[in-house]
Amino acid sequence: MDSRLLWGAVEMLILEVVSHSPTYGYEIAQSVAQHSQGYFDLKEGSLYPALHRLEQQKLLGSFWQEVDGRRRKYYRLTTAGQIALATKKQAWQAFSTGVNGVLGAEYST
């Protein structure tokens, strides 16, 4: 996939996964990969900077939890994150509808 297209969608994908329940980085990456049937493979180099940006923007909150002797940083969606996710989803739907309209159009020459 063209990385320029993915860049705009990464934050929306992360917000969507976290909207279902608090979760940590590796689990977010696995969920995105599973639900996209392997199409999206979020690497550490794009996932963690995006998580930090979303946290700085107050769209995600975080807390540490110990599980099986390991400390993990869990992320949860904030109220602002819920609003941002809804806005991003609406924008994505409008964008994809427009693109699909052009791609599915029949042109006469």
PDB file of N, CA and C in Angstrom:
ATOM      1  N   MET A   1       0.845  -1.187   0.000  1.00  0.00           N
ATOM      2  CA  MET A   1       0.000   0.000   0.000  1.00  0.00           C
ATOM      3  C   MET A   1       0.882   1.238   0.000  1.00  0.00           C
ATOM      4  N   ASP A   2       0.446   2.248  -0.680  1.00  0.00           N
ATOM      5  CA  ASP A   2       1.137   3.527  -0.731  1.00  0.00           C
ATOM      6  C   ASP A   2       1.150   4.128   0.674  1.00  0.00           C
ATOM      7  N   SER A   3       2.332   4.384   1.219  1.00  0.00           N
ATOM      8  CA  SER A   3       2.445   4.872   2.596  1.00  0.00           C
ATOM      9  C   SER A   3       1.785   6.229   2.785  1.00  0.00           C
ATOM     10  N   ARG A   4       1.662   7.031   1.724  1.00  0.00           N
ATOM     11  CA  ARG A   4       1.001   8.333   1.856  1.00  0.00           C
ATOM     12  C   ARG A   4      -0.482   8.161   2.158  1.00  0.00           C
ATOM     13  N   LEU A   5      -1.101   7.125   1.612  1.00  0.00           N
ATOM     14  CA  LEU A   5      -2.511   6.867   1.910  1.00  0.00           C
ATOM     15  C   LEU A   5      -2.667   6.340   3.336  1.00  0.00           C
ATOM     16  N   LEU A   6      -1.755   5.479   3.743  1.00  0.00           N
ATOM     17  CA  LEU A   6      -1.825   4.905   5.081  1.00  0.00           C
ATOM     18  C   LEU A   6      -1.647   5.961   6.155  1.00  0.00           C
ATOM     19  N   TRP A   7      -0.763   6.925   5.932  1.00  0.00           N
ATOM     20  CA  TRP A   7      -0.461   7.953   6.924  1.00  0.00           C
ATOM     21  C   TRP A   7      -1.723   8.633   7.432  1.00  0.00           C
ATOM     22  N   GLY A   8      -2.635   8.963   6.544  1.00  0.00           N
ATOM     23  CA  GLY A   8      -3.854   9.657   6.948  1.00  0.00           C
ATOM     24  C   GLY A   8      -4.838   8.777   7.687  1.00  0.00           C
ATOM     25  N   ALA A   9      -4.700   7.476   7.559  1.00  0.00           N
ATOM     26  CA  ALA A   9      -5.664   6.556   8.157  1.00  0.00           C
ATOM     27  C   ALA A   9      -5.184   5.943   9.474  1.00  0.00           C
ATOM     28  N   VAL A  10      -3.895   5.986   9.753  1.00  0.00           N
ATOM     29  CA  VAL A  10      -3.350   5.309  10.933  1.00  0.00           C
ATOM     30  C   VAL A  10      -4.010   5.779  12.217  1.00  0.00           C
ATOM     31  N   GLU A  11      -4.123   7.080  12.398  1.00  0.00           N
ATOM     32  CA  GLU A  11      -4.710   7.587  13.642  1.00  0.00           C
ATOM     33  C   GLU A  11      -6.167   7.166  13.788  1.00  0.00           C
ATOM     34  N   MET A  12      -6.913   7.179  12.680  1.00  0.00           N
ATOM     35  CA  MET A  12      -8.305   6.750  12.733  1.00  0.00           C
ATOM     36  C   MET A  12      -8.401   5.267  13.111  1.00  0.00           C
ATOM     37  N   LEU A  13      -7.529   4.439  12.550  1.00  0.00           N
ATOM     38  CA  LEU A  13      -7.534   3.008  12.863  1.00  0.00           C
ATOM     39  C   LEU A  13      -7.212   2.775  14.337  1.00  0.00           C
ATOM     40  N   ILE A  14      -6.239   3.495  14.856  1.00  0.00           N
ATOM     41  CA  ILE A  14      -5.874   3.365  16.265  1.00  0.00           C
ATOM     42  C   ILE A  14      -7.039   3.787  17.161  1.00  0.00           C
ATOM     43  N   LEU A  15      -7.632   4.926  16.871  1.00  0.00           N
ATOM     44  CA  LEU A  15      -8.762   5.399  17.676  1.00  0.00           C
ATOM     45  C   LEU A  15      -9.912   4.398  17.656  1.00  0.00           C
ATOM     46  N   GLU A  16     -10.168   3.817  16.500  1.00  0.00           N
ATOM     47  CA  GLU A  16     -11.247   2.828  16.394  1.00  0.00           C
ATOM     48  C   GLU A  16     -10.972   1.618  17.278  1.00  0.00           C
ATOM     49  N   VAL A  17      -9.779   1.080  17.232  1.00  0.00           N
ATOM     50  CA  VAL A  17      -9.450  -0.096  18.050  1.00  0.00           C
ATOM     51  C   VAL A  17      -9.559   0.236  19.532  1.00  0.00           C
ATOM     52  N   VAL A  18      -9.005   1.373  19.922  1.00  0.00           N
ATOM     53  CA  VAL A  18      -9.014   1.752  21.339  1.00  0.00           C
ATOM     54  C   VAL A  18     -10.423   2.100  21.812  1.00  0.00           C
ATOM     55  N   SER A  19     -11.310   2.473  20.895  1.00  0.00           N
ATOM     56  CA  SER A  19     -12.677   2.836  21.290  1.00  0.00           C
ATOM     57  C   SER A  19     -13.452   1.658  21.877  1.00  0.00           C
ATOM     58  N   HIS A  20     -13.019   0.447  21.604  1.00  0.00           N
ATOM     59  CA  HIS A  20     -13.735  -0.731  22.088  1.00  0.00           C
ATOM     60  C   HIS A  20     -13.363  -1.116  23.510  1.00  0.00           C
ATOM     61  N   SER A  21     -12.122  -0.862  23.889  1.00  0.00           N
ATOM     62  CA  SER A  21     -11.675  -1.104  25.264  1.00  0.00           C
ATOM     63  C   SER A  21     -10.228  -0.644  25.390  1.00  0.00           C
ATOM     64  N   PRO A  22      -9.802  -0.327  26.615  1.00  0.00           N
ATOM     65  CA  PRO A  22      -8.395   0.040  26.794  1.00  0.00           C
ATOM     66  C   PRO A  22      -7.493  -1.088  26.309  1.00  0.00           C
ATOM     67  N   THR A  23      -6.408  -0.725  25.673  1.00  0.00           N
ATOM     68  CA  THR A  23      -5.511  -1.719  25.118  1.00  0.00           C
ATOM     69  C   THR A  23      -4.104  -1.147  24.998  1.00  0.00           C
ATOM     70  N   TYR A  24      -3.153  -1.989  24.694  1.00  0.00           N
ATOM     71  CA  TYR A  24      -1.750  -1.571  24.607  1.00  0.00           C
ATOM     72  C   TYR A  24      -1.253  -1.700  23.164  1.00  0.00           C
ATOM     73  N   GLY A  25      -0.078  -1.138  22.900  1.00  0.00           N
ATOM     74  CA  GLY A  25       0.435  -1.010  21.543  1.00  0.00           C
ATOM     75  C   GLY A  25       0.440  -2.285  20.714  1.00  0.00           C
ATOM     76  N   TYR A  26       1.042  -3.343  21.223  1.00  0.00           N
ATOM     77  CA  TYR A  26       1.133  -4.581  20.452  1.00  0.00           C
ATOM     78  C   TYR A  26      -0.258  -5.109  20.114  1.00  0.00           C
ATOM     79  N   GLU A  27      -1.156  -5.038  21.075  1.00  0.00           N
ATOM     80  CA  GLU A  27      -2.524  -5.521  20.861  1.00  0.00           C
ATOM     81  C   GLU A  27      -3.251  -4.669  19.812  1.00  0.00           C
ATOM     82  N   ILE A  28      -2.967  -3.369  19.784  1.00  0.00           N
ATOM     83  CA  ILE A  28      -3.559  -2.491  18.766  1.00  0.00           C
ATOM     84  C   ILE A  28      -3.095  -2.932  17.388  1.00  0.00           C
ATOM     85  N   ALA A  29      -1.789  -3.133  17.241  1.00  0.00           N
ATOM     86  CA  ALA A  29      -1.228  -3.554  15.952  1.00  0.00           C
ATOM     87  C   ALA A  29      -1.818  -4.886  15.508  1.00  0.00           C
ATOM     88  N   GLN A  30      -1.961  -5.823  16.436  1.00  0.00           N
ATOM     89  CA  GLN A  30      -2.515  -7.134  16.108  1.00  0.00           C
ATOM     90  C   GLN A  30      -3.978  -7.039  15.687  1.00  0.00           C
ATOM     91  N   SER A  31      -4.736  -6.212  16.379  1.00  0.00           N
ATOM     92  CA  SER A  31      -6.150  -6.040  16.058  1.00  0.00           C
ATOM     93  C   SER A  31      -6.328  -5.435  14.669  1.00  0.00           C
ATOM     94  N   VAL A  32      -5.533  -4.410  14.359  1.00  0.00           N
ATOM     95  CA  VAL A  32      -5.613  -3.777  13.040  1.00  0.00           C
ATOM     96  C   VAL A  32      -5.255  -4.796  11.955  1.00  0.00           C
ATOM     97  N   ALA A  33      -4.194  -5.552  12.183  1.00  0.00           N
ATOM     98  CA  ALA A  33      -3.777  -6.565  11.196  1.00  0.00           C
ATOM     99  C   ALA A  33      -4.865  -7.626  11.008  1.00  0.00           C
ATOM    100  N   GLN A  34      -5.429  -8.091  12.104  1.00  0.00           N
ATOM    101  CA  GLN A  34      -6.456  -9.135  12.036  1.00  0.00           C
ATOM    102  C   GLN A  34      -7.711  -8.646  11.320  1.00  0.00           C
ATOM    103  N   HIS A  35      -8.205  -7.476  11.706  1.00  0.00           N
ATOM    104  CA  HIS A  35      -9.447  -6.983  11.123  1.00  0.00           C
ATOM    105  C   HIS A  35      -9.287  -6.524   9.675  1.00  0.00           C
ATOM    106  N   SER A  36      -8.051  -6.227   9.272  1.00  0.00           N
ATOM    107  CA  SER A  36      -7.817  -5.856   7.872  1.00  0.00           C
ATOM    108  C   SER A  36      -7.316  -7.057   7.059  1.00  0.00           C
ATOM    109  N   GLN A  37      -7.392  -8.245   7.657  1.00  0.00           N
ATOM    110  CA  GLN A  37      -6.919  -9.484   7.028  1.00  0.00           C
ATOM    111  C   GLN A  37      -5.473  -9.351   6.553  1.00  0.00           C
ATOM    112  N   GLY A  38      -4.671  -8.691   7.391  1.00  0.00           N
ATOM    113  CA  GLY A  38      -3.251  -8.538   7.128  1.00  0.00           C
ATOM    114  C   GLY A  38      -2.884  -7.396   6.206  1.00  0.00           C
ATOM    115  N   TYR A  39      -3.866  -6.663   5.726  1.00  0.00           N
ATOM    116  CA  TYR A  39      -3.583  -5.571   4.798  1.00  0.00           C
ATOM    117  C   TYR A  39      -2.781  -4.464   5.470  1.00  0.00           C
ATOM    118  N   PHE A  40      -3.166  -4.119   6.705  1.00  0.00           N
ATOM    119  CA  PHE A  40      -2.447  -3.097   7.458  1.00  0.00           C
ATOM    120  C   PHE A  40      -1.542  -3.775   8.472  1.00  0.00           C
ATOM    121  N   ASP A  41      -0.265  -3.469   8.404  1.00  0.00           N
ATOM    122  CA  ASP A  41       0.727  -4.009   9.317  1.00  0.00           C
ATOM    123  C   ASP A  41       1.423  -2.827   9.978  1.00  0.00           C
ATOM    124  N   LEU A  42       0.893  -2.405  11.112  1.00  0.00           N
ATOM    125  CA  LEU A  42       1.445  -1.234  11.798  1.00  0.00           C
ATOM    126  C   LEU A  42       2.742  -1.613  12.498  1.00  0.00           C
ATOM    127  N   LYS A  43       3.820  -1.019  12.065  1.00  0.00           N
ATOM    128  CA  LYS A  43       5.133  -1.252  12.663  1.00  0.00           C
ATOM    129  C   LYS A  43       5.352  -0.276  13.803  1.00  0.00           C
ATOM    130  N   GLU A  44       6.302  -0.610  14.669  1.00  0.00           N
ATOM    131  CA  GLU A  44       6.603   0.243  15.820  1.00  0.00           C
ATOM    132  C   GLU A  44       6.922   1.675  15.403  1.00  0.00           C
ATOM    133  N   GLY A  45       7.601   1.830  14.271  1.00  0.00           N
ATOM    134  CA  GLY A  45       8.025   3.145  13.819  1.00  0.00           C
ATOM    135  C   GLY A  45       6.887   4.071  13.435  1.00  0.00           C
ATOM    136  N   SER A  46       5.707   3.525  13.153  1.00  0.00           N
ATOM    137  CA  SER A  46       4.551   4.368  12.866  1.00  0.00           C
ATOM    138  C   SER A  46       3.522   4.309  13.997  1.00  0.00           C
ATOM    139  N   LEU A  47       3.415   3.171  14.654  1.00  0.00           N
ATOM    140  CA  LEU A  47       2.412   2.998  15.706  1.00  0.00           C
ATOM    141  C   LEU A  47       2.699   3.872  16.921  1.00  0.00           C
ATOM    142  N   TYR A  48       3.896   3.755  17.486  1.00  0.00           N
ATOM    143  CA  TYR A  48       4.164   4.458  18.740  1.00  0.00           C
ATOM    144  C   TYR A  48       4.239   5.971  18.588  1.00  0.00           C
ATOM    145  N   PRO A  49       4.817   6.501  17.518  1.00  0.00           N
ATOM    146  CA  PRO A  49       4.722   7.959  17.337  1.00  0.00           C
ATOM    147  C   PRO A  49       3.272   8.434  17.209  1.00  0.00           C
ATOM    148  N   ALA A  50       2.429   7.646  16.541  1.00  0.00           N
ATOM    149  CA  ALA A  50       1.017   8.014  16.412  1.00  0.00           C
ATOM    150  C   ALA A  50       0.323   7.971  17.775  1.00  0.00           C
ATOM    151  N   LEU A  51       0.614   6.951  18.578  1.00  0.00           N
ATOM    152  CA  LEU A  51       0.027   6.879  19.925  1.00  0.00           C
ATOM    153  C   LEU A  51       0.443   8.090  20.756  1.00  0.00           C
ATOM    154  N   HIS A  52       1.699   8.468  20.671  1.00  0.00           N
ATOM    155  CA  HIS A  52       2.180   9.633  21.437  1.00  0.00           C
ATOM    156  C   HIS A  52       1.519  10.921  20.953  1.00  0.00           C
ATOM    157  N   ARG A  53       1.361  11.073  19.631  1.00  0.00           N
ATOM    158  CA  ARG A  53       0.673  12.266  19.095  1.00  0.00           C
ATOM    159  C   ARG A  53      -0.763  12.330  19.599  1.00  0.00           C
ATOM    160  N   LEU A  54      -1.462  11.196  19.545  1.00  0.00           N
ATOM    161  CA  LEU A  54      -2.860  11.155  19.981  1.00  0.00           C
ATOM    162  C   LEU A  54      -2.980  11.449  21.471  1.00  0.00           C
ATOM    163  N   GLU A  55      -2.003  11.007  22.239  1.00  0.00           N
ATOM    164  CA  GLU A  55      -2.006  11.284  23.668  1.00  0.00           C
ATOM    165  C   GLU A  55      -1.725  12.771  23.920  1.00  0.00           C
ATOM    166  N   GLN A  56      -0.781  13.354  23.192  1.00  0.00           N
ATOM    167  CA  GLN A  56      -0.486  14.780  23.334  1.00  0.00           C
ATOM    168  C   GLN A  56      -1.681  15.644  22.938  1.00  0.00           C
ATOM    169  N   GLN A  57      -2.460  15.168  21.957  1.00  0.00           N
ATOM    170  CA  GLN A  57      -3.648  15.894  21.512  1.00  0.00           C
ATOM    171  C   GLN A  57      -4.838  15.652  22.436  1.00  0.00           C
ATOM    172  N   LYS A  58      -4.633  14.874  23.489  1.00  0.00           N
ATOM    173  CA  LYS A  58      -5.672  14.543  24.478  1.00  0.00           C
ATOM    174  C   LYS A  58      -6.807  13.701  23.885  1.00  0.00           C
ATOM    175  N   LEU A  59      -6.523  12.978  22.791  1.00  0.00           N
ATOM    176  CA  LEU A  59      -7.519  12.086  22.207  1.00  0.00           C
ATOM    177  C   LEU A  59      -7.431  10.701  22.843  1.00  0.00           C
ATOM    178  N   LEU A  60      -6.277  10.405  23.430  1.00  0.00           N
ATOM    179  CA  LEU A  60      -6.072   9.177  24.185  1.00  0.00           C
ATOM    180  C   LEU A  60      -5.537   9.526  25.561  1.00  0.00           C
ATOM    181  N   GLY A  61      -5.947   8.751  26.536  1.00  0.00           N
ATOM    182  CA  GLY A  61      -5.354   8.796  27.856  1.00  0.00           C
ATOM    183  C   GLY A  61      -4.591   7.496  28.040  1.00  0.00           C
ATOM    184  N   SER A  62      -3.755   7.411  29.053  1.00  0.00           N
ATOM    185  CA  SER A  62      -3.000   6.177  29.252  1.00  0.00           C
ATOM    186  C   SER A  62      -2.825   5.876  30.725  1.00  0.00           C
ATOM    187  N   PHE A  63      -2.528   4.623  30.999  1.00  0.00           N
ATOM    188  CA  PHE A  63      -2.212   4.180  32.351  1.00  0.00           C
ATOM    189  C   PHE A  63      -1.337   2.939  32.239  1.00  0.00           C
ATOM    190  N   TRP A  64      -0.552   2.700  33.281  1.00  0.00           N
ATOM    191  CA  TRP A  64       0.323   1.538  33.311  1.00  0.00           C
ATOM    192  C   TRP A  64      -0.343   0.434  34.114  1.00  0.00           C
ATOM    193  N   GLN A  65      -0.135  -0.792  33.650  1.00  0.00           N
ATOM    194  CA  GLN A  65      -0.683  -1.946  34.349  1.00  0.00           C
ATOM    195  C   GLN A  65       0.305  -3.093  34.237  1.00  0.00           C
ATOM    196  N   GLU A  66       0.448  -3.842  35.319  1.00  0.00           N
ATOM    197  CA  GLU A  66       1.326  -5.004  35.292  1.00  0.00           C
ATOM    198  C   GLU A  66       0.508  -6.242  34.964  1.00  0.00           C
ATOM    199  N   VAL A  67       0.969  -6.981  33.964  1.00  0.00           N
ATOM    200  CA  VAL A  67       0.303  -8.206  33.536  1.00  0.00           C
ATOM    201  C   VAL A  67       1.374  -9.284  33.397  1.00  0.00           C
ATOM    202  N   ASP A  68       1.206 -10.366  34.102  1.00  0.00           N
ATOM    203  CA  ASP A  68       2.165 -11.473  34.055  1.00  0.00           C
ATOM    204  C   ASP A  68       3.596 -10.992  34.302  1.00  0.00           C
ATOM    205  N   GLY A  69       3.765 -10.086  35.253  1.00  0.00           N
ATOM    206  CA  GLY A  69       5.080  -9.586  35.607  1.00  0.00           C
ATOM    207  C   GLY A  69       5.657  -8.544  34.669  1.00  0.00           C
ATOM    208  N   ARG A  70       4.886  -8.133  33.652  1.00  0.00           N
ATOM    209  CA  ARG A  70       5.361  -7.119  32.700  1.00  0.00           C
ATOM    210  C   ARG A  70       4.500  -5.871  32.819  1.00  0.00           C
ATOM    211  N   ARG A  71       5.151  -4.721  32.805  1.00  0.00           N
ATOM    212  CA  ARG A  71       4.406  -3.457  32.803  1.00  0.00           C
ATOM    213  C   ARG A  71       4.049  -3.098  31.376  1.00  0.00           C
ATOM    214  N   ARG A  72       2.789  -2.764  31.174  1.00  0.00           N
ATOM    215  CA  ARG A  72       2.309  -2.358  29.852  1.00  0.00           C
ATOM    216  C   ARG A  72       1.596  -1.021  29.981  1.00  0.00           C
ATOM    217  N   LYS A  73       1.787  -0.203  28.962  1.00  0.00           N
ATOM    218  CA  LYS A  73       1.087   1.073  28.906  1.00  0.00           C
ATOM    219  C   LYS A  73      -0.190   0.856  28.103  1.00  0.00           C
ATOM    220  N   TYR A  74      -1.319   1.047  28.760  1.00  0.00           N
ATOM    221  CA  TYR A  74      -2.619   0.895  28.121  1.00  0.00           C
ATOM    222  C   TYR A  74      -3.143   2.264  27.712  1.00  0.00           C
ATOM    223  N   TYR A  75      -3.850   2.276  26.605  1.00  0.00           N
ATOM    224  CA  TYR A  75      -4.444   3.508  26.091  1.00  0.00           C
ATOM    225  C   TYR A  75      -5.956   3.380  26.125  1.00  0.00           C
ATOM    226  N   ARG A  76      -6.613   4.481  26.435  1.00  0.00           N
ATOM    227  CA  ARG A  76      -8.081   4.522  26.435  1.00  0.00           C
ATOM    228  C   ARG A  76      -8.510   5.770  25.674  1.00  0.00           C
ATOM    229  N   LEU A  77      -9.677   5.709  25.089  1.00  0.00           N
ATOM    230  CA  LEU A  77     -10.210   6.835  24.328  1.00  0.00           C
ATOM    231  C   LEU A  77     -10.807   7.861  25.282  1.00  0.00           C
ATOM    232  N   THR A  78     -10.477   9.119  25.077  1.00  0.00           N
ATOM    233  CA  THR A  78     -11.053  10.201  25.870  1.00  0.00           C
ATOM    234  C   THR A  78     -12.339  10.682  25.188  1.00  0.00           C
ATOM    235  N   THR A  79     -13.048  11.567  25.851  1.00  0.00           N
ATOM    236  CA  THR A  79     -14.241  12.163  25.249  1.00  0.00           C
ATOM    237  C   THR A  79     -13.867  12.909  23.965  1.00  0.00           C
ATOM    238  N   ALA A  80     -12.772  13.647  24.011  1.00  0.00           N
ATOM    239  CA  ALA A  80     -12.303  14.347  22.807  1.00  0.00           C
ATOM    240  C   ALA A  80     -11.943  13.344  21.712  1.00  0.00           C
ATOM    241  N   GLY A  81     -11.408  12.196  22.113  1.00  0.00           N
ATOM    242  CA  GLY A  81     -11.075  11.152  21.152  1.00  0.00           C
ATOM    243  C   GLY A  81     -12.310  10.560  20.498  1.00  0.00           C
ATOM    244  N   GLN A  82     -13.384  10.418  21.266  1.00  0.00           N
ATOM    245  CA  GLN A  82     -14.646   9.913  20.707  1.00  0.00           C
ATOM    246  C   GLN A  82     -15.168  10.867  19.638  1.00  0.00           C
ATOM    247  N   ILE A  83     -15.101  12.154  19.920  1.00  0.00           N
ATOM    248  CA  ILE A  83     -15.567  13.163  18.969  1.00  0.00           C
ATOM    249  C   ILE A  83     -14.685  13.158  17.726  1.00  0.00           C
ATOM    250  N   ALA A  84     -13.370  13.099  17.935  1.00  0.00           N
ATOM    251  CA  ALA A  84     -12.428  13.084  16.800  1.00  0.00           C
ATOM    252  C   ALA A  84     -12.641  11.847  15.940  1.00  0.00           C
ATOM    253  N   LEU A  85     -12.858  10.694  16.573  1.00  0.00           N
ATOM    254  CA  LEU A  85     -13.084   9.458  15.812  1.00  0.00           C
ATOM    255  C   LEU A  85     -14.343   9.583  14.964  1.00  0.00           C
ATOM    256  N   ALA A  86     -15.415  10.082  15.528  1.00  0.00           N
ATOM    257  CA  ALA A  86     -16.660  10.250  14.767  1.00  0.00           C
ATOM    258  C   ALA A  86     -16.444  11.176  13.575  1.00  0.00           C
ATOM    259  N   THR A  87     -15.710  12.261  13.797  1.00  0.00           N
ATOM    260  CA  THR A  87     -15.423  13.218  12.722  1.00  0.00           C
ATOM    261  C   THR A  87     -14.571  12.581  11.637  1.00  0.00           C
ATOM    262  N   LYS A  88     -13.539  11.849  12.034  1.00  0.00           N
ATOM    263  CA  LYS A  88     -12.650  11.189  11.073  1.00  0.00           C
ATOM    264  C   LYS A  88     -13.405  10.122  10.271  1.00  0.00           C
ATOM    265  N   LYS A  89     -14.289   9.402  10.925  1.00  0.00           N
ATOM    266  CA  LYS A  89     -15.065   8.373  10.229  1.00  0.00           C
ATOM    267  C   LYS A  89     -16.001   8.999   9.188  1.00  0.00           C
ATOM    268  N   GLN A  90     -16.631  10.108   9.538  1.00  0.00           N
ATOM    269  CA  GLN A  90     -17.499  10.799   8.588  1.00  0.00           C
ATOM    270  C   GLN A  90     -16.697  11.294   7.391  1.00  0.00           C
ATOM    271  N   ALA A  91     -15.541  11.875   7.658  1.00  0.00           N
ATOM    272  CA  ALA A  91     -14.691  12.374   6.574  1.00  0.00           C
ATOM    273  C   ALA A  91     -14.223  11.217   5.687  1.00  0.00           C
ATOM    274  N   TRP A  92     -13.865  10.090   6.311  1.00  0.00           N
ATOM    275  CA  TRP A  92     -13.414   8.927   5.535  1.00  0.00           C
ATOM    276  C   TRP A  92     -14.543   8.398   4.663  1.00  0.00           C
ATOM    277  N   GLN A  93     -15.751   8.329   5.199  1.00  0.00           N
ATOM    278  CA  GLN A  93     -16.891   7.839   4.425  1.00  0.00           C
ATOM    279  C   GLN A  93     -17.150   8.741   3.222  1.00  0.00           C
ATOM    280  N   ALA A  94     -17.099  10.045   3.423  1.00  0.00           N
ATOM    281  CA  ALA A  94     -17.308  10.981   2.316  1.00  0.00           C
ATOM    282  C   ALA A  94     -16.215  10.826   1.270  1.00  0.00           C
ATOM    283  N   PHE A  95     -14.968  10.708   1.724  1.00  0.00           N
ATOM    284  CA  PHE A  95     -13.836  10.526   0.822  1.00  0.00           C
ATOM    285  C   PHE A  95     -13.979   9.236   0.016  1.00  0.00           C
ATOM    286  N   SER A  96     -14.256   8.128   0.710  1.00  0.00           N
ATOM    287  CA  SER A  96     -14.340   6.842   0.004  1.00  0.00           C
ATOM    288  C   SER A  96     -15.540   6.790  -0.931  1.00  0.00           C
ATOM    289  N   THR A  97     -16.631   7.430  -0.571  1.00  0.00           N
ATOM    290  CA  THR A  97     -17.790   7.501  -1.462  1.00  0.00           C
ATOM    291  C   THR A  97     -17.425   8.268  -2.732  1.00  0.00           C
ATOM    292  N   GLY A  98     -16.709   9.371  -2.566  1.00  0.00           N
ATOM    293  CA  GLY A  98     -16.285  10.153  -3.733  1.00  0.00           C
ATOM    294  C   GLY A  98     -15.336   9.374  -4.627  1.00  0.00           C
ATOM    295  N   VAL A  99     -14.350   8.735  -4.053  1.00  0.00           N
ATOM    296  CA  VAL A  99     -13.389   7.948  -4.841  1.00  0.00           C
ATOM    297  C   VAL A  99     -14.103   6.800  -5.545  1.00  0.00           C
ATOM    298  N   ASN A 100     -14.942   6.072  -4.811  1.00  0.00           N
ATOM    299  CA  ASN A 100     -15.652   4.941  -5.419  1.00  0.00           C
ATOM    300  C   ASN A 100     -16.586   5.394  -6.522  1.00  0.00           C
ATOM    301  N   GLY A 101     -17.139   6.599  -6.394  1.00  0.00           N
ATOM    302  CA  GLY A 101     -18.005   7.130  -7.443  1.00  0.00           C
ATOM    303  C   GLY A 101     -17.237   7.342  -8.726  1.00  0.00           C
ATOM    304  N   VAL A 102     -16.036   7.835  -8.614  1.00  0.00           N
ATOM    305  CA  VAL A 102     -15.219   8.046  -9.800  1.00  0.00           C
ATOM    306  C   VAL A 102     -14.717   6.719 -10.352  1.00  0.00           C
ATOM    307  N   LEU A 103     -14.245   5.856  -9.478  1.00  0.00           N
ATOM    308  CA  LEU A 103     -13.719   4.568  -9.931  1.00  0.00           C
ATOM    309  C   LEU A 103     -14.789   3.683 -10.558  1.00  0.00           C
ATOM    310  N   GLY A 104     -15.995   3.821 -10.073  1.00  0.00           N
ATOM    311  CA  GLY A 104     -17.084   2.983 -10.598  1.00  0.00           C
ATOM    312  C   GLY A 104     -17.847   3.608 -11.738  1.00  0.00           C
ATOM    313  N   ALA A 105     -17.464   4.829 -12.109  1.00  0.00           N
ATOM    314  CA  ALA A 105     -18.197   5.538 -13.180  1.00  0.00           C
ATOM    315  C   ALA A 105     -17.876   4.928 -14.536  1.00  0.00           C
ATOM    316  N   GLU A 106     -18.869   4.972 -15.377  1.00  0.00           N
ATOM    317  CA  GLU A 106     -18.659   4.546 -16.757  1.00  0.00           C
ATOM    318  C   GLU A 106     -18.442   5.796 -17.592  1.00  0.00           C
ATOM    319  N   TYR A 107     -17.366   5.782 -18.319  1.00  0.00           N
ATOM    320  CA  TYR A 107     -17.014   6.939 -19.139  1.00  0.00           C
ATOM    321  C   TYR A 107     -17.193   6.576 -20.605  1.00  0.00           C
ATOM    322  N   SER A 108     -17.730   7.495 -21.347  1.00  0.00           N
ATOM    323  CA  SER A 108     -17.824   7.280 -22.807  1.00  0.00           C
ATOM    324  C   SER A 108     -16.793   8.164 -23.480  1.00  0.00           C
ATOM    325  N   THR A 109     -16.168   7.639 -24.487  1.00  0.00           N
ATOM    326  CA  THR A 109     -15.134   8.405 -25.190  1.00  0.00           C
ATOM    327  C   THR A 109     -15.556   8.708 -26.596  1.00  0.00           C
TER     328      THR A 109
END
